[in-house]
C-alpha atoms as a PDB file:
ATOM      1  CA  MET A   1      41.184 -51.810  45.408  1.00  0.00           C
ATOM      2  CA  PRO A   2      40.720 -48.244  44.051  1.00  0.00           C
ATOM      3  CA  PRO A   3      38.553 -48.210  40.945  1.00  0.00           C
ATOM      4  CA  LEU A   4      39.390 -47.445  37.353  1.00  0.00           C
ATOM      5  CA  LEU A   5      37.836 -44.250  36.001  1.00  0.00           C
ATOM      6  CA  LEU A   6      36.125 -44.222  32.589  1.00  0.00           C
ATOM      7  CA  ALA A   7      35.748 -40.908  30.732  1.00  0.00           C
ATOM      8  CA  PHE A   8      33.631 -40.603  27.585  1.00  0.00           C
ATOM      9  CA  ALA A   9      31.299 -38.262  25.747  1.00  0.00           C
ATOM     10  CA  PRO A  10      27.576 -38.854  26.397  1.00  0.00           C
ATOM     11  CA  ALA A  11      27.078 -39.859  22.753  1.00  0.00           C
ATOM     12  CA  ASP A  12      29.355 -42.875  23.321  1.00  0.00           C
ATOM     13  CA  ARG A  13      27.472 -44.320  26.311  1.00  0.00           C
ATOM     14  CA  PHE A  14      26.697 -47.650  24.598  1.00  0.00           C
ATOM     15  CA  ALA A  15      30.389 -48.295  23.850  1.00  0.00           C
ATOM     16  CA  ALA A  16      31.299 -47.116  27.368  1.00  0.00           C
ATOM     17  CA  ASP A  17      28.789 -49.528  28.940  1.00  0.00           C
ATOM     18  CA  THR A  18      30.229 -52.335  26.820  1.00  0.00           C
ATOM     19  CA  ILE A  19      33.739 -51.624  28.136  1.00  0.00           C
ATOM     20  CA  ARG A  20      32.528 -51.193  31.708  1.00  0.00           C
ATOM     21  CA  ASN A  21      30.699 -54.541  31.609  1.00  0.00           C
ATOM     22  CA  ALA A  22      33.840 -56.257  30.312  1.00  0.00           C
ATOM     23  CA  LEU A  23      35.895 -54.766  33.140  1.00  0.00           C
ATOM     24  CA  ALA A  24      33.277 -55.789  35.699  1.00  0.00           C
ATOM     25  CA  SER A  25      33.301 -59.348  34.370  1.00  0.00           C
ATOM     26  CA  ALA A  26      37.069 -59.367  34.955  1.00  0.00           C
ATOM     27  CA  GLY A  27      36.576 -58.180  38.539  1.00  0.00           C
ATOM     28  CA  LEU A  28      37.725 -54.605  37.924  1.00  0.00           C
ATOM     29  CA  ALA A  29      35.692 -51.833  39.536  1.00  0.00           C
ATOM     30  CA  CYS A  30      35.102 -48.949  37.129  1.00  0.00           C
ATOM     31  CA  ASP A  31      33.515 -45.568  37.909  1.00  0.00           C
ATOM     32  CA  ILE A  32      32.155 -43.116  35.348  1.00  0.00           C
ATOM     33  CA  ALA A  33      33.980 -39.785  35.370  1.00  0.00           C
ATOM     34  CA  PRO A  34      31.928 -36.578  35.860  1.00  0.00           C
ATOM     35  CA  GLN A  35      30.710 -35.412  32.459  1.00  0.00           C
ATOM     36  CA  ASP A  36      30.166 -31.756  33.351  1.00  0.00           C
ATOM     37  CA  GLY A  37      33.304 -29.840  32.427  1.00  0.00           C
ATOM     38  CA  ASN A  38      32.445 -27.201  35.034  1.00  0.00           C
ATOM     39  CA  ALA A  39      32.266 -29.712  37.921  1.00  0.00           C
ATOM     40  CA  ARG A  40      35.912 -29.078  38.827  1.00  0.00           C
ATOM     41  CA  SER A  41      35.801 -30.297  42.440  1.00  0.00           C
ATOM     42  CA  ALA A  42      33.910 -33.464  41.493  1.00  0.00           C
ATOM     43  CA  ILE A  43      36.448 -34.209  38.751  1.00  0.00           C
ATOM     44  CA  VAL A  44      39.398 -33.672  41.108  1.00  0.00           C
ATOM     45  CA  ALA A  45      37.794 -35.921  43.729  1.00  0.00           C
ATOM     46  CA  ALA A  46      37.096 -38.699  41.194  1.00  0.00           C
ATOM     47  CA  VAL A  47      40.650 -38.605  39.818  1.00  0.00           C
ATOM     48  CA  ALA A  48      42.143 -38.524  43.340  1.00  0.00           C
ATOM     49  CA  VAL A  49      40.768 -41.959  44.243  1.00  0.00           C
ATOM     50  CA  ALA A  50      41.167 -43.622  40.829  1.00  0.00           C
ATOM     51  CA  ARG A  51      43.828 -46.179  40.033  1.00  0.00           C
ATOM     52  CA  ALA A  52      43.985 -45.417  36.324  1.00  0.00           C
ATOM     53  CA  LEU A  53      41.973 -43.517  33.704  1.00  0.00           C
ATOM     54  CA  LEU A  54      40.431 -45.043  30.568  1.00  0.00           C
ATOM     55  CA  ILE A  55      39.372 -42.552  27.899  1.00  0.00           C
ATOM     56  CA  LEU A  56      36.944 -43.628  25.206  1.00  0.00           C
ATOM     57  CA  HIS A  57      37.904 -41.429  22.264  1.00  0.00           C
ATOM     58  CA  SER A  58      35.674 -40.637  19.298  1.00  0.00           C
ATOM     59  CA  ARG A  59      34.468 -37.763  17.160  1.00  0.00           C
ATOM     60  CA  ALA A  60      32.189 -36.708  20.042  1.00  0.00           C
ATOM     61  CA  THR A  61      35.116 -36.577  22.476  1.00  0.00           C
ATOM     62  CA  THR A  62      37.002 -33.883  20.558  1.00  0.00           C
ATOM     63  CA  GLY A  63      34.539 -31.196  21.630  1.00  0.00           C
ATOM     64  CA  ASP A  64      33.602 -32.581  25.041  1.00  0.00           C
ATOM     65  CA  ALA A  65      34.661 -30.300  27.912  1.00  0.00           C
ATOM     66  CA  GLY A  66      34.096 -32.984  30.542  1.00  0.00           C
ATOM     67  CA  VAL A  67      36.566 -35.441  29.003  1.00  0.00           C
ATOM     68  CA  LEU A  68      39.107 -32.649  28.537  1.00  0.00           C
ATOM     69  CA  ARG A  69      38.893 -31.577  32.178  1.00  0.00           C
ATOM     70  CA  VAL A  70      39.181 -35.178  33.418  1.00  0.00           C
ATOM     71  CA  ALA A  71      42.272 -35.744  31.238  1.00  0.00           C
ATOM     72  CA  GLU A  72      43.800 -32.492  32.514  1.00  0.00           C
ATOM     73  CA  ALA A  73      43.205 -33.461  36.150  1.00  0.00           C
ATOM     74  CA  ALA A  74      44.604 -36.960  35.564  1.00  0.00           C
ATOM     75  CA  ALA A  75      47.720 -35.552  33.870  1.00  0.00           C
ATOM     76  CA  GLY A  76      48.245 -33.163  36.784  1.00  0.00           C
ATOM     77  CA  ARG A  77      48.253 -36.099  39.209  1.00  0.00           C
ATOM     78  CA  ARG A  78      50.299 -38.284  36.825  1.00  0.00           C
ATOM     79  CA  LEU A  79      47.545 -40.895  36.777  1.00  0.00           C
ATOM     80  CA  PRO A  80      48.166 -43.751  34.299  1.00  0.00           C
ATOM     81  CA  MET A  81      45.901 -43.428  31.255  1.00  0.00           C
ATOM     82  CA  LEU A  82      44.703 -45.749  28.486  1.00  0.00           C
ATOM     83  CA  VAL A  83      42.958 -44.541  25.312  1.00  0.00           C
ATOM     84  CA  VAL A  84      40.424 -46.681  23.423  1.00  0.00           C
ATOM     85  CA  ARG A  85      39.614 -45.262  19.971  1.00  0.00           C
ATOM     86  CA  VAL A  86      36.250 -46.169  18.429  1.00  0.00           C
ATOM     87  CA  ASP A  87      36.602 -44.106  15.245  1.00  0.00           C
ATOM     88  CA  ASP A  88      39.373 -42.526  13.153  1.00  0.00           C
ATOM     89  CA  THR A  89      38.999 -38.996  14.537  1.00  0.00           C
ATOM     90  CA  LYS A  90      42.236 -37.470  15.774  1.00  0.00           C
ATOM     91  CA  PRO A  91      42.210 -35.831  19.250  1.00  0.00           C
ATOM     92  CA  GLY A  92      41.726 -32.070  19.343  1.00  0.00           C
ATOM     93  CA  SER A  93      44.758 -29.974  20.244  1.00  0.00           C
ATOM     94  CA  GLY A  94      43.691 -29.498  23.866  1.00  0.00           C
ATOM     95  CA  LEU A  95      43.054 -33.185  24.548  1.00  0.00           C
ATOM     96  CA  ARG A  96      46.124 -34.218  22.530  1.00  0.00           C
ATOM     97  CA  THR A  97      48.286 -32.315  25.025  1.00  0.00           C
ATOM     98  CA  PHE A  98      47.276 -34.654  27.836  1.00  0.00           C
ATOM     99  CA  LEU A  99      47.044 -37.902  25.849  1.00  0.00           C
ATOM    100  CA  ARG A 100      50.380 -37.630  24.048  1.00  0.00           C
ATOM    101  CA  GLY A 101      52.422 -40.761  24.597  1.00  0.00           C
ATOM    102  CA  MET A 102      49.633 -42.665  26.359  1.00  0.00           C
ATOM    103  CA  PRO A 103      48.992 -46.278  25.244  1.00  0.00           C
ATOM    104  CA  SER A 104      46.040 -46.699  22.890  1.00  0.00           C
ATOM    105  CA  ILE A 105      43.919 -49.513  21.483  1.00  0.00           C
ATOM    106  CA  ASP A 106      42.340 -49.401  18.025  1.00  0.00           C
ATOM    107  CA  ALA A 107      38.661 -50.375  18.365  1.00  0.00           C
ATOM    108  CA  THR A 108      37.567 -48.554  15.200  1.00  0.00           C
ATOM    109  CA  ALA A 109      35.375 -49.926  12.397  1.00  0.00           C
ATOM    110  CA  GLY A 110      33.276 -52.065  14.734  1.00  0.00           C
ATOM    111  CA  LYS A 111      36.261 -53.856  16.310  1.00  0.00           C
ATOM    112  CA  LEU A 112      35.287 -53.017  19.913  1.00  0.00           C
ATOM    113  CA  PRO A 113      33.837 -56.475  20.792  1.00  0.00           C
ATOM    114  CA  GLU A 114      37.012 -58.256  19.685  1.00  0.00           C
ATOM    115  CA  ARG A 115      39.199 -55.746  21.541  1.00  0.00           C
ATOM    116  CA  LEU A 116      37.472 -56.108  24.928  1.00  0.00           C
ATOM    117  CA  ALA A 117      39.888 -58.766  26.208  1.00  0.00           C
ATOM    118  CA  GLY A 118      42.823 -56.544  25.212  1.00  0.00           C
ATOM    119  CA  ILE A 119      41.240 -53.525  26.905  1.00  0.00           C
ATOM    120  CA  VAL A 120      40.929 -55.520  30.136  1.00  0.00           C
ATOM    121  CA  VAL A 121      44.601 -56.557  29.972  1.00  0.00           C
ATOM    122  CA  ARG A 122      45.855 -53.043  29.224  1.00  0.00           C
ATOM    123  CA  ALA A 123      43.608 -51.639  31.969  1.00  0.00           C
ATOM    124  CA  LYS A 124      45.194 -54.070  34.414  1.00  0.00           C
ATOM    125  CA  GLU A 125      48.658 -52.967  33.304  1.00  0.00           C
ATOM    126  CA  ALA A 126      47.753 -49.293  33.686  1.00  0.00           C
ATOM    127  CA  ALA A 127      46.371 -49.988  37.164  1.00  0.00           C
ATOM    128  CA  GLY A 128      49.515 -51.872  38.181  1.00  0.00           C
ATOM    129  CA  ILE A 129      47.750 -55.245  38.506  1.00  0.00           C
ATOM    130  CA  ALA A 130      49.905 -58.305  37.905  1.00  0.00           C
ATOM    131  CA  LEU A 131      48.968 -60.245  34.775  1.00  0.00           C
ATOM    132  CA  GLY A 132      48.477 -63.998  34.643  1.00  0.00           C
ATOM    133  CA  ASP A 133      49.182 -66.423  31.808  1.00  0.00           C
ATOM    134  CA  ALA A 134      45.590 -66.051  30.612  1.00  0.00           C
ATOM    135  CA  ASP A 135      46.166 -62.344  30.034  1.00  0.00           C
ATOM    136  CA  ALA A 136      48.702 -62.856  27.217  1.00  0.00           C
ATOM    137  CA  ILE A 137      46.271 -62.088  24.387  1.00  0.00           C
ATOM    138  CA  ASP A 138      45.905 -59.799  21.373  1.00  0.00           C
ATOM    139  CA  ASP A 139      45.232 -56.217  22.389  1.00  0.00           C
ATOM    140  CA  GLY A 140      44.596 -54.856  18.927  1.00  0.00           C
ATOM    141  CA  ASP A 141      47.603 -55.246  16.680  1.00  0.00           C
ATOM    142  CA  GLY A 142      47.675 -52.542  14.047  1.00  0.00           C
ATOM    143  CA  GLY A 143      46.193 -49.808  16.218  1.00  0.00           C
ATOM    144  CA  ILE A 144      46.205 -46.310  14.751  1.00  0.00           C
ATOM    145  CA  ASP A 145      48.850 -43.955  16.065  1.00  0.00           C
ATOM    146  CA  LEU A 146      47.107 -41.193  18.003  1.00  0.00           C
ATOM    147  CA  TRP A 147      49.802 -38.715  17.214  1.00  0.00           C
ATOM    148  CA  SER A 148      50.358 -39.066  13.471  1.00  0.00           C
ATOM    149  CA  VAL A 149      48.946 -35.608  12.911  1.00  0.00           C
ATOM    150  CA  ASP A 150      50.381 -33.176  10.379  1.00  0.00           C
ATOM    151  CA  ARG A 151      51.334 -29.939  12.113  1.00  0.00           C
ATOM    152  CA  ARG A 152      50.631 -26.678  10.385  1.00  0.00           C
ATOM    153  CA  ARG A 153      53.645 -24.462  10.019  1.00  0.00           C
ATOM    154  CA  ILE A 154      53.743 -20.729   9.529  1.00  0.00           C
ATOM    155  CA  SER A 155      55.383 -19.822   6.254  1.00  0.00           C
ATOM    156  CA  HIS A 156      58.509 -17.704   6.755  1.00  0.00           C
ATOM    157  CA  ALA A 157      57.797 -16.052   3.403  1.00  0.00           C
ATOM    158  CA  TRP A 158      54.435 -14.762   4.639  1.00  0.00           C
ATOM    159  CA  ILE A 159      56.042 -13.503   7.836  1.00  0.00           C
ATOM    160  CA  SER A 160      58.649 -11.630   5.803  1.00  0.00           C
ATOM    161  CA  ILE A 161      56.005 -10.074   3.565  1.00  0.00           C
ATOM    162  CA  GLY A 162      54.035  -8.994   6.615  1.00  0.00           C
ATOM    163  CA  ILE A 163      57.069  -7.253   8.079  1.00  0.00           C
ATOM    164  CA  VAL A 164      57.828  -5.433   4.813  1.00  0.00           C
ATOM    165  CA  VAL A 165      54.228  -4.356   4.138  1.00  0.00           C
ATOM    166  CA  LEU A 166      53.276  -3.123   7.557  1.00  0.00           C
ATOM    167  CA  VAL A 167      55.519  -2.889  10.613  1.00  0.00           C
ATOM    168  CA  ALA A 168      52.578  -2.498  12.960  1.00  0.00           C
ATOM    169  CA  VAL A 169      51.006  -5.714  11.725  1.00  0.00           C
ATOM    170  CA  ALA A 170      54.346  -7.440  12.192  1.00  0.00           C
ATOM    171  CA  VAL A 171      54.495  -6.281  15.811  1.00  0.00           C
ATOM    172  CA  LEU A 172      51.024  -7.653  16.462  1.00  0.00           C
ATOM    173  CA  ALA A 173      51.926 -10.876  14.690  1.00  0.00           C
ATOM    174  CA  TRP A 174      55.017 -11.230  16.883  1.00  0.00           C
ATOM    175  CA  ARG A 175      52.956 -10.785  20.005  1.00  0.00           C
ATOM    176  CA  GLY A 176      50.583 -13.458  18.784  1.00  0.00           C
ATOM    177  CA  TYR A 177      53.479 -15.759  17.976  1.00  0.00           C
ATOM    178  CA  ASP A 178      55.026 -15.211  21.386  1.00  0.00           C
ATOM    179  CA  ARG A 179      51.761 -16.066  23.066  1.00  0.00           C
ATOM    180  CA  ALA A 180      51.379 -19.183  20.905  1.00  0.00           C
ATOM    181  CA  ALA A 181      54.970 -20.182  21.714  1.00  0.00           C
ATOM    182  CA  ALA A 182      54.212 -19.806  25.416  1.00  0.00           C
ATOM    183  CA  GLN A 183      51.116 -21.965  25.016  1.00  0.00           C
ATOM    184  CA  SER A 184      53.095 -24.570  23.107  1.00  0.00           C
ATOM    185  CA  ALA A 185      55.808 -24.649  25.769  1.00  0.00           C
ATOM    186  CA  TYR A 186      53.141 -24.970  28.459  1.00  0.00           C
ATOM    187  CA  ASP A 187      51.444 -27.837  26.624  1.00  0.00           C
ATOM    188  CA  ARG A 188      54.752 -29.666  26.214  1.00  0.00           C
ATOM    189  CA  GLY A 189      55.558 -29.137  29.879  1.00  0.00           C
ATOM    190  CA  VAL A 190      52.222 -30.555  31.033  1.00  0.00           C
ATOM    191  CA  ALA A 191      52.676 -33.538  28.708  1.00  0.00           C
ATOM    192  CA  ARG A 192      56.128 -34.222  30.128  1.00  0.00           C
ATOM    193  CA  LEU A 193      54.661 -33.985  33.633  1.00  0.00           C
ATOM    194  CA  ALA A 194      52.144 -36.638  32.657  1.00  0.00           C
ATOM    195  CA  ASP A 195      55.072 -38.814  31.493  1.00  0.00           C
ATOM    196  CA  GLY A 196      56.842 -38.293  34.831  1.00  0.00           C
ATOM    197  CA  ASP A 197      59.802 -36.505  33.218  1.00  0.00           C
ATOM    198  CA  LEU A 198      60.172 -33.611  35.677  1.00  0.00           C
ATOM    199  CA  ASP A 199      63.416 -32.252  34.243  1.00  0.00           C
ATOM    200  CA  ALA A 200      62.052 -31.947  30.686  1.00  0.00           C
ATOM    201  CA  ALA A 201      58.810 -30.496  32.046  1.00  0.00           C
ATOM    202  CA  ALA A 202      60.750 -27.864  33.996  1.00  0.00           C
ATOM    203  CA  VAL A 203      62.611 -26.759  30.850  1.00  0.00           C
ATOM    204  CA  ASN A 204      59.366 -26.308  28.899  1.00  0.00           C
ATOM    205  CA  LEU A 205      57.565 -24.561  31.744  1.00  0.00           C
ATOM    206  CA  ASP A 206      60.520 -22.237  32.318  1.00  0.00           C
ATOM    207  CA  GLU A 207      60.086 -21.146  28.700  1.00  0.00           C
ATOM    208  CA  ALA A 208      56.349 -20.651  29.233  1.00  0.00           C
ATOM    209  CA  VAL A 209      56.781 -18.372  32.276  1.00  0.00           C
ATOM    210  CA  ARG A 210      59.627 -16.511  30.587  1.00  0.00           C
ATOM    211  CA  ARG A 211      57.334 -15.638  27.683  1.00  0.00           C
ATOM    212  CA  ARG A 212      54.289 -15.029  29.881  1.00  0.00           C
ATOM    213  CA  PRO A 213      55.469 -14.153  33.401  1.00  0.00           C
ATOM    214  CA  GLY A 214      51.946 -13.248  34.488  1.00  0.00           C
ATOM    215  CA  TRP A 215      50.482 -16.706  33.726  1.00  0.00           C
ATOM    216  CA  ALA A 216      49.432 -18.200  37.070  1.00  0.00           C
ATOM    217  CA  ALA A 217      48.653 -21.673  35.690  1.00  0.00           C
ATOM    218  CA  ALA A 218      52.156 -21.971  34.200  1.00  0.00           C
ATOM    219  CA  TRP A 219      53.748 -21.102  37.546  1.00  0.00           C
ATOM    220  CA  ARG A 220      51.530 -23.701  39.226  1.00  0.00           C
ATOM    221  CA  GLN A 221      52.632 -26.392  36.777  1.00  0.00           C
ATOM    222  CA  ARG A 222      56.244 -25.245  37.249  1.00  0.00           C
ATOM    223  CA  GLY A 223      55.761 -26.015  40.932  1.00  0.00           C
ATOM    224  CA  PHE A 224      54.595 -29.540  40.104  1.00  0.00           C
ATOM    225  CA  ALA A 225      57.752 -29.970  38.000  1.00  0.00           C
ATOM    226  CA  SER A 226      60.054 -28.948  40.888  1.00  0.00           C
ATOM    227  CA  ARG A 227      61.825 -31.661  42.840  1.00  0.00           C
ATOM    228  CA  GLU A 228      62.563 -29.732  46.044  1.00  0.00           C
ATOM    229  CA  SER A 229      59.943 -28.491  48.502  1.00  0.00           C
ATOM    230  CA  ALA A 230      61.501 -25.019  48.661  1.00  0.00           C
ATOM    231  CA  ALA A 231      61.310 -24.605  44.876  1.00  0.00           C
ATOM    232  CA  GLN A 232      57.748 -25.916  44.868  1.00  0.00           C
ATOM    233  CA  ILE A 233      56.728 -23.397  47.524  1.00  0.00           C
ATOM    234  CA  THR A 234      58.361 -20.543  45.585  1.00  0.00           C
ATOM    235  CA  ASN A 235      56.549 -21.415  42.348  1.00  0.00           C
ATOM    236  CA  PHE A 236      53.177 -22.029  43.973  1.00  0.00           C
ATOM    237  CA  THR A 237      53.533 -18.748  45.896  1.00  0.00           C
ATOM    238  CA  HIS A 238      54.139 -16.927  42.609  1.00  0.00           C
ATOM    239  CA  ALA A 239      50.995 -18.510  41.157  1.00  0.00           C
ATOM    240  CA  ILE A 240      48.966 -17.473  44.206  1.00  0.00           C
ATOM    241  CA  THR A 241      50.334 -13.935  44.002  1.00  0.00           C
ATOM    242  CA  LEU A 242      49.032 -13.748  40.430  1.00  0.00           C
ATOM    243  CA  ASP A 243      45.714 -15.424  41.256  1.00  0.00           C
ATOM    244  CA  ALA A 244      44.719 -15.325  44.915  1.00  0.00           C
ATOM    245  CA  HIS A 245      41.703 -17.561  44.193  1.00  0.00           C
ATOM    246  CA  ASP A 246      43.741 -20.413  42.700  1.00  0.00           C
ATOM    247  CA  ALA A 247      42.640 -23.182  45.063  1.00  0.00           C
ATOM    248  CA  ASP A 248      44.787 -25.802  43.296  1.00  0.00           C
ATOM    249  CA  SER A 249      47.941 -23.755  43.931  1.00  0.00           C
ATOM    250  CA  LEU A 250      46.967 -23.208  47.571  1.00  0.00           C
ATOM    251  CA  ALA A 251      46.454 -26.930  48.102  1.00  0.00           C
ATOM    252  CA  ALA A 252      49.664 -27.784  46.244  1.00  0.00           C
ATOM    253  CA  ARG A 253      51.656 -25.312  48.344  1.00  0.00           C
ATOM    254  CA  GLY A 254      50.062 -26.851  51.425  1.00  0.00           C
ATOM    255  CA  ARG A 255      51.394 -30.268  50.356  1.00  0.00           C
ATOM    256  CA  ALA A 256      54.840 -28.758  49.788  1.00  0.00           C
ATOM    257  CA  TYR A 257      54.808 -27.178  53.247  1.00  0.00           C
ATOM    258  CA  LEU A 258      53.750 -30.547  54.670  1.00  0.00           C
ATOM    259  CA  ALA A 259      56.669 -32.250  52.908  1.00  0.00           C
ATOM    260  CA  SER A 260      59.039 -29.667  54.357  1.00  0.00           C
ATOM    261  CA  GLY A 261      57.701 -30.232  57.893  1.00  0.00           C
ATOM    262  CA  ASP A 262      55.922 -26.877  58.193  1.00  0.00           C
ATOM    263  CA  ALA A 263      52.561 -28.068  59.545  1.00  0.00           C
ATOM    264  CA  PRO A 264      51.108 -24.614  60.452  1.00  0.00           C
ATOM    265  CA  HIS A 265      51.585 -23.214  56.945  1.00  0.00           C
ATOM    266  CA  ALA A 266      50.387 -26.477  55.414  1.00  0.00           C
ATOM    267  CA  ARG A 267      47.168 -26.338  57.427  1.00  0.00           C
ATOM    268  CA  ALA A 268      46.617 -22.661  56.564  1.00  0.00           C
ATOM    269  CA  ASP A 269      46.969 -23.281  52.825  1.00  0.00           C
ATOM    270  CA  LEU A 270      44.759 -26.373  52.788  1.00  0.00           C
ATOM    271  CA  SER A 271      42.140 -24.501  54.819  1.00  0.00           C
ATOM    272  CA  ALA A 272      42.213 -21.634  52.299  1.00  0.00           C
ATOM    273  CA  ALA A 273      41.860 -24.104  49.420  1.00  0.00           C
ATOM    274  CA  LEU A 274      38.879 -25.750  51.125  1.00  0.00           C
ATOM    275  CA  ALA A 275      37.278 -22.367  51.727  1.00  0.00           C
ATOM    276  CA  ALA A 276      37.367 -21.841  47.964  1.00  0.00           C
ATOM    277  CA  VAL A 277      36.368 -25.426  47.041  1.00  0.00           C
ATOM    278  CA  PRO A 278      34.624 -26.893  50.104  1.00  0.00           C
ATOM    279  CA  GLY A 279      33.650 -30.175  48.458  1.00  0.00           C
ATOM    280  CA  ASN A 280      37.165 -31.502  47.809  1.00  0.00           C
ATOM    281  CA  ALA A 281      37.533 -34.771  49.727  1.00  0.00           C
ATOM    282  CA  GLU A 282      41.252 -35.132  48.963  1.00  0.00           C
ATOM    283  CA  TRP A 283      42.119 -31.815  50.563  1.00  0.00           C
ATOM    284  CA  TYR A 284      40.213 -32.727  53.738  1.00  0.00           C
ATOM    285  CA  GLY A 285      42.211 -35.943  53.917  1.00  0.00           C
ATOM    286  CA  GLU A 286      45.492 -34.093  53.440  1.00  0.00           C
ATOM    287  CA  ARG A 287      44.588 -31.554  56.101  1.00  0.00           C
ATOM    288  CA  GLY A 288      43.811 -34.506  58.356  1.00  0.00           C
ATOM    289  CA  LEU A 289      47.368 -35.763  57.839  1.00  0.00           C
ATOM    290  CA  VAL A 290      48.678 -32.317  58.775  1.00  0.00           C
ATOM    291  CA  ALA A 291      46.608 -32.347  61.953  1.00  0.00           C
ATOM    292  CA  MET A 292      47.990 -35.790  62.837  1.00  0.00           C
ATOM    293  CA  LEU A 293      51.542 -34.472  62.486  1.00  0.00           C
ATOM    294  CA  ALA A 294      50.597 -31.552  64.762  1.00  0.00           C
ATOM    295  CA  ASN A 295      49.143 -34.052  67.275  1.00  0.00           C
ATOM    296  CA  ASP A 296      45.726 -32.422  66.932  1.00  0.00           C
ATOM    297  CA  ASP A 297      43.796 -35.683  66.888  1.00  0.00           C
ATOM    298  CA  ALA A 298      40.361 -34.072  67.187  1.00  0.00           C
ATOM    299  CA  ALA A 299      40.933 -31.925  64.107  1.00  0.00           C
ATOM    300  CA  ALA A 300      42.450 -34.871  62.236  1.00  0.00           C
ATOM    301  CA  GLN A 301      39.475 -37.083  62.954  1.00  0.00           C
ATOM    302  CA  ALA A 302      37.045 -34.322  61.949  1.00  0.00           C
ATOM    303  CA  ASP A 303      38.810 -33.866  58.605  1.00  0.00           C
ATOM    304  CA  PHE A 304      38.999 -37.590  57.871  1.00  0.00           C
ATOM    305  CA  ARG A 305      35.304 -37.965  58.689  1.00  0.00           C
ATOM    306  CA  GLU A 306      34.436 -35.113  56.331  1.00  0.00           C
ATOM    307  CA  CYS A 307      36.619 -36.700  53.650  1.00  0.00           C
ATOM    308  CA  MET A 308      34.683 -39.939  54.130  1.00  0.00           C
ATOM    309  CA  ARG A 309      31.338 -38.143  54.028  1.00  0.00           C
ATOM    310  CA  ILE A 310      32.158 -36.576  50.655  1.00  0.00           C
ATOM    311  CA  GLU A 311      33.927 -39.616  49.182  1.00  0.00           C
ATOM    312  CA  PRO A 312      33.181 -43.079  50.682  1.00  0.00           C
ATOM    313  CA  ARG A 313      36.480 -44.457  49.318  1.00  0.00           C
ATOM    314  CA  CYS A 314      38.512 -41.905  51.286  1.00  0.00           C
ATOM    315  CA  ALA A 315      39.579 -44.402  53.960  1.00  0.00           C
ATOM    316  CA  GLN A 316      41.020 -46.705  51.321  1.00  0.00           C
ATOM    317  CA  ALA A 317      42.729 -43.861  49.471  1.00  0.00           C
ATOM    318  CA  PHE A 318      44.478 -42.504  52.585  1.00  0.00           C
ATOM    319  CA  ALA A 319      45.125 -45.774  54.442  1.00  0.00           C
ATOM    320  CA  ALA A 320      48.812 -46.057  53.466  1.00  0.00           C
ATOM    321  CA  ARG A 321      49.621 -42.401  54.193  1.00  0.00           C
ATOM    322  CA  ILE A 322      47.886 -42.519  57.571  1.00  0.00           C
ATOM    323  CA  ALA A 323      49.782 -45.694  58.464  1.00  0.00           C
ATOM    324  CA  ALA A 324      53.067 -44.008  57.495  1.00  0.00           C
ATOM    325  CA  VAL A 325      52.375 -41.051  59.805  1.00  0.00           C
ATOM    326  CA  GLU A 326      51.369 -43.389  62.627  1.00  0.00           C
ATOM    327  CA  ALA A 327      54.590 -45.350  62.172  1.00  0.00           C
ATOM    328  CA  THR A 328      56.680 -42.156  62.148  1.00  0.00           C
ATOM    329  CA  GLN A 329      55.038 -40.977  65.370  1.00  0.00           C
ATOM    330  CA  GLN A 330      55.092 -44.482  66.863  1.00  0.00           C
ATOM    331  CA  ARG A 331      51.340 -44.340  67.370  1.00  0.00           C
ATOM    332  CA  THR A 332      49.035 -47.261  67.948  1.00  0.00           C
ATOM    333  CA  PRO A 333      46.991 -47.674  64.731  1.00  0.00           C
ATOM    334  CA  HIS A 334      43.645 -45.919  65.039  1.00  0.00           C
ATOM    335  CA  ASP A 335      40.462 -46.028  62.944  1.00  0.00           C
ATOM    336  CA  TRP A 336      40.120 -42.351  62.058  1.00  0.00           C
ATOM    337  CA  PHE A 337      37.012 -42.970  59.943  1.00  0.00           C
ATOM    338  CA  ALA A 338      35.004 -45.058  62.420  1.00  0.00           C
ATOM    339  CA  ALA A 339      32.243 -42.508  63.053  1.00  0.00           C
ATOM    340  CA  ALA A 340      31.649 -41.978  59.347  1.00  0.00           C
ATOM    341  CA  GLN A 341      31.146 -45.609  58.437  1.00  0.00           C
END
């Protein structure tokens, strides 16, 4: 079974170990997420093989780049998330974007020990594990709403005064507002993606790219919000045109080409993504699937072996997709990872 992934700030290690031990006692494997916010490929690889993400939130988490990057990667892959709060600190604006709407458990004021059973149950639910009669327990009634945060609003009176006093300042203020509106639309779009609401996400991301047409990341997320392969390819291509080094967009376009049956373009894009981020196990596995579809078994086996070398759980993560390709091609099942084990 793929593991759960636990993200926390280093200052909260004791609480994290407490949760991890409780999960282990319940038979749930739990890995610690990379804590270096710059370790992008390691974060992507960890999220790719996880079944669900648990975030331990506290005052230390609000300024932790590692937790933010893990939450962003999990939201991009629509990974189920569960938040455990150990103090009354509200999430920072960046982290709040990715946690909005996610289930949370109140373990503040020293309540963590009595919430452990509830954390285990909610972790099972997030991971899609069937619950038994013994799992019907208290998960922390009275938890604090993560999102009851007062939003600051710009006074229309001050805007009017600014326009009257100095037109130039008003122009600059409008540009700043437009940029903030684009950021807000982007944040809402990513949050809707995390909820699985592609149509609402597309509306928000359309607004973001309309306000900032040169924003590569917004075009990439717009691709993730597209339902058709052709639309995905168009949006990812736009992102790549704006940022030729965007490995995530290259890999995403490769997946879209694969879904459309264009194996040569899929392989080219995944190869370009791997050239930029050579340590990404998931992309090696996906390129292996492309090679299988092209009947290039030697290349497929080489990619699956490299995937396994980087991430030992690769065989488990790709087992269902490999079996689907084998069934489509009416192949005899083959152990593509044998040499790496």
